[in-house]
Amino acid sequence: TGRDMNENEFEKQVEKEEYAYTEPEQAEAEAPAGVVNEIVEACEQMGSSHTGALIVIQRANSLVEIERTGIQVDAVVSSALLENIFEKNTPLHDGAVVIRGDRVTAATCYLPLSENMALPKNLGTRHRAGVGISEVNDCWTVIVSEETGRISLAREGVLTERVSTSMLRDELMKLVERQERGLVQYLRRQKDER
């Protein structure tokens, strides 16, 4: 509508549109806060059972090309879904899962391997793939080692190993908070342009 909003109406609009927003020509919003808990819970369970996992969390740039290498899923993120996807000897357990917003968009996705010679030689394909996608795309990758059950986090080509579940939750929540601040700034710019 063409009318001006007062500050209170504006804040209500921000709350209402918080996760529904998609800026034109950009990927959907990062994972909302509820999704963080589901990812962390799944990683904790998979770590306990030494179930390997590779979870790519989309940020600003689209991962459609990566999604096309796998099987389309389009399901709400839940710890049970992630655990079932990565269960050994199931059809979807190999490869990566892509998460966009609150959805698992694809499974069994192929990722580019990092060619970084500085990475430890003992890292396997799962870790190299997690780092590799974060080198070439604006995403975060959570890796659960099948051998050790340890959780790692790759972002901007840097691998952080031995991530506790509390650290994983904290880091993913920081990611969500940055996304929320970006949304508020965008909506304020839209208001100023009116």
C-alpha atoms as a PDB file:
ATOM      1  CA  THR A   1       0.000   0.000   0.000  1.00  0.00           C
ATOM      2  CA  GLY A   2       1.192   3.570  -0.413  1.00  0.00           C
ATOM      3  CA  ARG A   3       0.718   4.657   3.194  1.00  0.00           C
ATOM      4  CA  ASP A   4       3.480   5.343   5.703  1.00  0.00           C
ATOM      5  CA  MET A   5       4.031   2.888   8.558  1.00  0.00           C
ATOM      6  CA  ASN A   6       4.723   3.997  12.078  1.00  0.00           C
ATOM      7  CA  GLU A   7       7.602   2.347  13.944  1.00  0.00           C
ATOM      8  CA  ASN A   8       5.332  -0.122  15.767  1.00  0.00           C
ATOM      9  CA  GLU A   9       3.659  -1.267  12.531  1.00  0.00           C
ATOM     10  CA  PHE A  10       7.071  -1.590  10.908  1.00  0.00           C
ATOM     11  CA  GLU A  11       8.375  -3.856  13.697  1.00  0.00           C
ATOM     12  CA  LYS A  12       5.251  -6.045  13.423  1.00  0.00           C
ATOM     13  CA  GLN A  13       5.809  -6.307   9.670  1.00  0.00           C
ATOM     14  CA  VAL A  14       9.419  -7.352  10.270  1.00  0.00           C
ATOM     15  CA  GLU A  15       8.293 -10.083  12.679  1.00  0.00           C
ATOM     16  CA  LYS A  16       5.596 -11.279  10.273  1.00  0.00           C
ATOM     17  CA  GLU A  17       7.887 -11.478   7.246  1.00  0.00           C
ATOM     18  CA  GLU A  18      10.976 -12.638   9.115  1.00  0.00           C
ATOM     19  CA  TYR A  19      11.391 -16.060   7.489  1.00  0.00           C
ATOM     20  CA  ALA A  20       9.136 -15.687   4.481  1.00  0.00           C
ATOM     21  CA  TYR A  21      11.393 -13.051   2.899  1.00  0.00           C
ATOM     22  CA  THR A  22      13.402 -13.728  -0.256  1.00  0.00           C
ATOM     23  CA  GLU A  23      15.210 -10.823  -1.903  1.00  0.00           C
ATOM     24  CA  PRO A  24      14.941 -10.926  -5.715  1.00  0.00           C
ATOM     25  CA  GLU A  25      17.864 -12.658  -7.409  1.00  0.00           C
ATOM     26  CA  GLN A  26      19.146 -13.993  -4.083  1.00  0.00           C
ATOM     27  CA  ALA A  27      18.818 -17.313  -2.341  1.00  0.00           C
ATOM     28  CA  GLU A  28      16.362 -17.872   0.465  1.00  0.00           C
ATOM     29  CA  ALA A  29      17.112 -16.953   4.066  1.00  0.00           C
ATOM     30  CA  GLU A  30      19.548 -18.962   6.127  1.00  0.00           C
ATOM     31  CA  ALA A  31      18.412 -21.611   8.532  1.00  0.00           C
ATOM     32  CA  PRO A  32      15.961 -20.264  11.152  1.00  0.00           C
ATOM     33  CA  ALA A  33      16.704 -20.758  14.854  1.00  0.00           C
ATOM     34  CA  GLY A  34      14.469 -23.853  15.264  1.00  0.00           C
ATOM     35  CA  VAL A  35      16.394 -25.596  12.517  1.00  0.00           C
ATOM     36  CA  VAL A  36      19.642 -25.065  14.414  1.00  0.00           C
ATOM     37  CA  ASN A  37      18.412 -27.246  17.274  1.00  0.00           C
ATOM     38  CA  GLU A  38      17.356 -29.989  14.855  1.00  0.00           C
ATOM     39  CA  ILE A  39      20.758 -29.973  13.125  1.00  0.00           C
ATOM     40  CA  VAL A  40      22.648 -30.019  16.428  1.00  0.00           C
ATOM     41  CA  GLU A  41      20.507 -32.828  17.858  1.00  0.00           C
ATOM     42  CA  ALA A  42      21.013 -34.917  14.711  1.00  0.00           C
ATOM     43  CA  CYS A  43      24.775 -34.340  14.752  1.00  0.00           C
ATOM     44  CA  GLU A  44      24.976 -35.301  18.419  1.00  0.00           C
ATOM     45  CA  GLN A  45      23.087 -38.558  17.770  1.00  0.00           C
ATOM     46  CA  MET A  46      25.044 -39.378  14.630  1.00  0.00           C
ATOM     47  CA  GLY A  47      28.325 -38.643  16.411  1.00  0.00           C
ATOM     48  CA  SER A  48      27.353 -41.040  19.218  1.00  0.00           C
ATOM     49  CA  SER A  49      26.600 -43.809  16.743  1.00  0.00           C
ATOM     50  CA  HIS A  50      29.568 -43.008  14.446  1.00  0.00           C
ATOM     51  CA  THR A  51      27.251 -42.276  11.551  1.00  0.00           C
ATOM     52  CA  GLY A  52      28.996 -40.105   8.981  1.00  0.00           C
ATOM     53  CA  ALA A  53      27.190 -36.995   7.759  1.00  0.00           C
ATOM     54  CA  LEU A  54      27.761 -34.053   5.451  1.00  0.00           C
ATOM     55  CA  ILE A  55      25.265 -31.194   5.867  1.00  0.00           C
ATOM     56  CA  VAL A  56      25.549 -28.078   3.702  1.00  0.00           C
ATOM     57  CA  ILE A  57      23.708 -24.999   4.967  1.00  0.00           C
ATOM     58  CA  GLN A  58      22.975 -22.459   2.267  1.00  0.00           C
ATOM     59  CA  ARG A  59      23.594 -18.812   3.052  1.00  0.00           C
ATOM     60  CA  ALA A  60      23.401 -15.966   0.525  1.00  0.00           C
ATOM     61  CA  ASN A  61      24.265 -17.790  -2.696  1.00  0.00           C
ATOM     62  CA  SER A  62      22.107 -20.430  -4.313  1.00  0.00           C
ATOM     63  CA  LEU A  63      23.211 -24.061  -4.195  1.00  0.00           C
ATOM     64  CA  VAL A  64      20.842 -25.167  -6.980  1.00  0.00           C
ATOM     65  CA  GLU A  65      23.714 -26.568  -9.050  1.00  0.00           C
ATOM     66  CA  ILE A  66      24.809 -28.729  -6.116  1.00  0.00           C
ATOM     67  CA  GLU A  67      21.194 -29.775  -5.443  1.00  0.00           C
ATOM     68  CA  ARG A  68      20.901 -30.972  -9.054  1.00  0.00           C
ATOM     69  CA  THR A  69      23.679 -33.520  -8.462  1.00  0.00           C
ATOM     70  CA  GLY A  70      21.542 -35.307  -5.869  1.00  0.00           C
ATOM     71  CA  ILE A  71      17.983 -36.405  -5.255  1.00  0.00           C
ATOM     72  CA  GLN A  72      15.375 -33.720  -4.579  1.00  0.00           C
ATOM     73  CA  VAL A  73      13.829 -34.029  -1.116  1.00  0.00           C
ATOM     74  CA  ASP A  74      11.950 -30.822  -0.134  1.00  0.00           C
ATOM     75  CA  ALA A  75      11.131 -31.706   3.470  1.00  0.00           C
ATOM     76  CA  VAL A  76      11.124 -29.763   6.729  1.00  0.00           C
ATOM     77  CA  VAL A  77      14.418 -30.156   8.587  1.00  0.00           C
ATOM     78  CA  SER A  78      14.195 -32.457  11.580  1.00  0.00           C
ATOM     79  CA  SER A  79      16.778 -34.438  13.491  1.00  0.00           C
ATOM     80  CA  ALA A  80      14.898 -37.667  12.691  1.00  0.00           C
ATOM     81  CA  LEU A  81      14.982 -36.915   8.954  1.00  0.00           C
ATOM     82  CA  LEU A  82      18.711 -36.143   8.969  1.00  0.00           C
ATOM     83  CA  GLU A  83      19.501 -39.245  11.020  1.00  0.00           C
ATOM     84  CA  ASN A  84      17.451 -41.420   8.656  1.00  0.00           C
ATOM     85  CA  ILE A  85      19.053 -39.954   5.546  1.00  0.00           C
ATOM     86  CA  PHE A  86      22.569 -40.678   6.818  1.00  0.00           C
ATOM     87  CA  GLU A  87      21.794 -44.112   8.285  1.00  0.00           C
ATOM     88  CA  LYS A  88      24.331 -46.596   6.896  1.00  0.00           C
ATOM     89  CA  ASN A  89      23.240 -48.736   3.955  1.00  0.00           C
ATOM     90  CA  THR A  90      20.180 -46.633   3.105  1.00  0.00           C
ATOM     91  CA  PRO A  91      19.687 -45.258  -0.417  1.00  0.00           C
ATOM     92  CA  LEU A  92      20.351 -41.602   0.526  1.00  0.00           C
ATOM     93  CA  HIS A  93      23.282 -41.956   2.944  1.00  0.00           C
ATOM     94  CA  ASP A  94      26.133 -41.242   0.509  1.00  0.00           C
ATOM     95  CA  GLY A  95      26.913 -37.654  -0.377  1.00  0.00           C
ATOM     96  CA  ALA A  96      25.697 -34.400   1.141  1.00  0.00           C
ATOM     97  CA  VAL A  97      22.380 -32.970   2.244  1.00  0.00           C
ATOM     98  CA  VAL A  98      21.577 -29.368   1.331  1.00  0.00           C
ATOM     99  CA  ILE A  99      19.538 -27.226   3.722  1.00  0.00           C
ATOM    100  CA  ARG A 100      17.905 -24.014   2.534  1.00  0.00           C
ATOM    101  CA  GLY A 101      15.990 -22.103   5.193  1.00  0.00           C
ATOM    102  CA  ASP A 102      13.963 -24.699   7.089  1.00  0.00           C
ATOM    103  CA  ARG A 103      13.977 -27.302   4.277  1.00  0.00           C
ATOM    104  CA  VAL A 104      16.173 -30.206   3.290  1.00  0.00           C
ATOM    105  CA  THR A 105      16.168 -29.580  -0.440  1.00  0.00           C
ATOM    106  CA  ALA A 106      18.314 -32.469  -1.660  1.00  0.00           C
ATOM    107  CA  ALA A 107      20.318 -35.505  -0.555  1.00  0.00           C
ATOM    108  CA  THR A 108      23.145 -37.611  -2.040  1.00  0.00           C
ATOM    109  CA  CYS A 109      24.677 -34.453  -3.514  1.00  0.00           C
ATOM    110  CA  TYR A 110      28.198 -34.403  -4.929  1.00  0.00           C
ATOM    111  CA  LEU A 111      30.509 -31.691  -3.635  1.00  0.00           C
ATOM    112  CA  PRO A 112      33.811 -30.422  -5.010  1.00  0.00           C
ATOM    113  CA  LEU A 113      36.823 -31.649  -3.057  1.00  0.00           C
ATOM    114  CA  SER A 114      39.257 -29.149  -1.606  1.00  0.00           C
ATOM    115  CA  GLU A 115      42.692 -29.135  -3.157  1.00  0.00           C
ATOM    116  CA  ASN A 116      44.135 -27.213  -0.210  1.00  0.00           C
ATOM    117  CA  MET A 117      47.498 -28.853   0.503  1.00  0.00           C
ATOM    118  CA  ALA A 118      47.540 -27.339   4.019  1.00  0.00           C
ATOM    119  CA  LEU A 119      44.668 -29.559   5.177  1.00  0.00           C
ATOM    120  CA  PRO A 120      45.763 -32.447   7.407  1.00  0.00           C
ATOM    121  CA  LYS A 121      46.645 -35.547   5.390  1.00  0.00           C
ATOM    122  CA  ASN A 122      44.476 -37.757   7.607  1.00  0.00           C
ATOM    123  CA  LEU A 123      41.249 -36.050   6.492  1.00  0.00           C
ATOM    124  CA  GLY A 124      38.985 -38.210   4.378  1.00  0.00           C
ATOM    125  CA  THR A 125      36.780 -37.424   1.412  1.00  0.00           C
ATOM    126  CA  ARG A 126      33.834 -36.247   3.555  1.00  0.00           C
ATOM    127  CA  HIS A 127      35.941 -33.547   5.239  1.00  0.00           C
ATOM    128  CA  ARG A 128      37.633 -32.504   1.975  1.00  0.00           C
ATOM    129  CA  ALA A 129      34.221 -32.175   0.329  1.00  0.00           C
ATOM    130  CA  GLY A 130      32.906 -30.119   3.257  1.00  0.00           C
ATOM    131  CA  VAL A 131      35.841 -27.729   2.992  1.00  0.00           C
ATOM    132  CA  GLY A 132      35.704 -27.762  -0.817  1.00  0.00           C
ATOM    133  CA  ILE A 133      32.119 -26.502  -1.084  1.00  0.00           C
ATOM    134  CA  SER A 134      32.810 -23.794   1.508  1.00  0.00           C
ATOM    135  CA  GLU A 135      35.782 -22.594  -0.570  1.00  0.00           C
ATOM    136  CA  VAL A 136      33.690 -22.019  -3.682  1.00  0.00           C
ATOM    137  CA  ASN A 137      30.321 -21.035  -2.232  1.00  0.00           C
ATOM    138  CA  ASP A 138      28.866 -18.944   0.575  1.00  0.00           C
ATOM    139  CA  CYS A 139      27.721 -21.832   2.767  1.00  0.00           C
ATOM    140  CA  TRP A 140      28.595 -23.575   5.987  1.00  0.00           C
ATOM    141  CA  THR A 141      29.152 -27.314   6.135  1.00  0.00           C
ATOM    142  CA  VAL A 142      28.732 -29.528   9.164  1.00  0.00           C
ATOM    143  CA  ILE A 143      30.661 -32.789   9.000  1.00  0.00           C
ATOM    144  CA  VAL A 144      30.262 -35.791  11.310  1.00  0.00           C
ATOM    145  CA  SER A 145      33.119 -38.274  11.119  1.00  0.00           C
ATOM    146  CA  GLU A 146      32.112 -41.887  10.698  1.00  0.00           C
ATOM    147  CA  GLU A 147      35.442 -43.025  12.157  1.00  0.00           C
ATOM    148  CA  THR A 148      35.647 -40.840  15.262  1.00  0.00           C
ATOM    149  CA  GLY A 149      32.095 -39.491  15.691  1.00  0.00           C
ATOM    150  CA  ARG A 150      33.575 -35.996  15.974  1.00  0.00           C
ATOM    151  CA  ILE A 151      31.832 -32.957  14.515  1.00  0.00           C
ATOM    152  CA  SER A 152      33.633 -30.427  12.308  1.00  0.00           C
ATOM    153  CA  LEU A 153      32.487 -27.154  10.764  1.00  0.00           C
ATOM    154  CA  ALA A 154      33.741 -25.757   7.439  1.00  0.00           C
ATOM    155  CA  ARG A 155      33.213 -22.136   6.423  1.00  0.00           C
ATOM    156  CA  GLU A 156      35.038 -19.967   3.923  1.00  0.00           C
ATOM    157  CA  GLY A 157      37.480 -22.790   3.256  1.00  0.00           C
ATOM    158  CA  VAL A 158      38.495 -23.132   6.909  1.00  0.00           C
ATOM    159  CA  LEU A 159      37.861 -26.346   8.826  1.00  0.00           C
ATOM    160  CA  THR A 160      37.265 -26.262  12.573  1.00  0.00           C
ATOM    161  CA  GLU A 161      37.626 -29.760  13.991  1.00  0.00           C
ATOM    162  CA  ARG A 162      36.419 -31.252  17.277  1.00  0.00           C
ATOM    163  CA  VAL A 163      33.431 -28.934  17.530  1.00  0.00           C
ATOM    164  CA  SER A 164      31.303 -29.624  20.604  1.00  0.00           C
ATOM    165  CA  THR A 165      27.534 -29.598  20.231  1.00  0.00           C
ATOM    166  CA  SER A 166      27.338 -26.415  22.332  1.00  0.00           C
ATOM    167  CA  MET A 167      29.911 -24.706  20.091  1.00  0.00           C
ATOM    168  CA  LEU A 168      28.039 -25.897  16.988  1.00  0.00           C
ATOM    169  CA  ARG A 169      24.781 -24.502  18.369  1.00  0.00           C
ATOM    170  CA  ASP A 170      26.468 -21.178  19.245  1.00  0.00           C
ATOM    171  CA  GLU A 171      28.083 -20.813  15.813  1.00  0.00           C
ATOM    172  CA  LEU A 172      24.889 -21.699  13.927  1.00  0.00           C
ATOM    173  CA  MET A 173      22.867 -19.304  16.104  1.00  0.00           C
ATOM    174  CA  LYS A 174      25.342 -16.510  15.256  1.00  0.00           C
ATOM    175  CA  LEU A 175      24.681 -17.307  11.607  1.00  0.00           C
ATOM    176  CA  VAL A 176      20.915 -16.991  12.176  1.00  0.00           C
ATOM    177  CA  GLU A 177      21.333 -13.721  14.091  1.00  0.00           C
ATOM    178  CA  ARG A 178      23.367 -12.211  11.235  1.00  0.00           C
ATOM    179  CA  GLN A 179      20.649 -13.271   8.787  1.00  0.00           C
ATOM    180  CA  GLU A 180      17.942 -11.690  10.930  1.00  0.00           C
ATOM    181  CA  ARG A 181      19.866  -8.401  11.163  1.00  0.00           C
ATOM    182  CA  GLY A 182      20.253  -8.419   7.381  1.00  0.00           C
ATOM    183  CA  LEU A 183      16.508  -8.899   6.929  1.00  0.00           C
ATOM    184  CA  VAL A 184      15.688  -5.992   9.235  1.00  0.00           C
ATOM    185  CA  GLN A 185      18.134  -3.757   7.344  1.00  0.00           C
ATOM    186  CA  TYR A 186      16.566  -4.764   4.023  1.00  0.00           C
ATOM    187  CA  LEU A 187      13.032  -4.019   5.253  1.00  0.00           C
ATOM    188  CA  ARG A 188      14.168  -0.633   6.573  1.00  0.00           C
ATOM    189  CA  ARG A 189      15.677   0.202   3.166  1.00  0.00           C
ATOM    190  CA  GLN A 190      12.381  -0.795   1.539  1.00  0.00           C
ATOM    191  CA  LYS A 191      10.493   1.474   3.960  1.00  0.00           C
ATOM    192  CA  ASP A 192      12.852   4.391   3.242  1.00  0.00           C
ATOM    193  CA  GLU A 193      12.371   3.963  -0.506  1.00  0.00           C
ATOM    194  CA  ARG A 194       8.578   4.274  -0.184  1.00  0.00           C
END
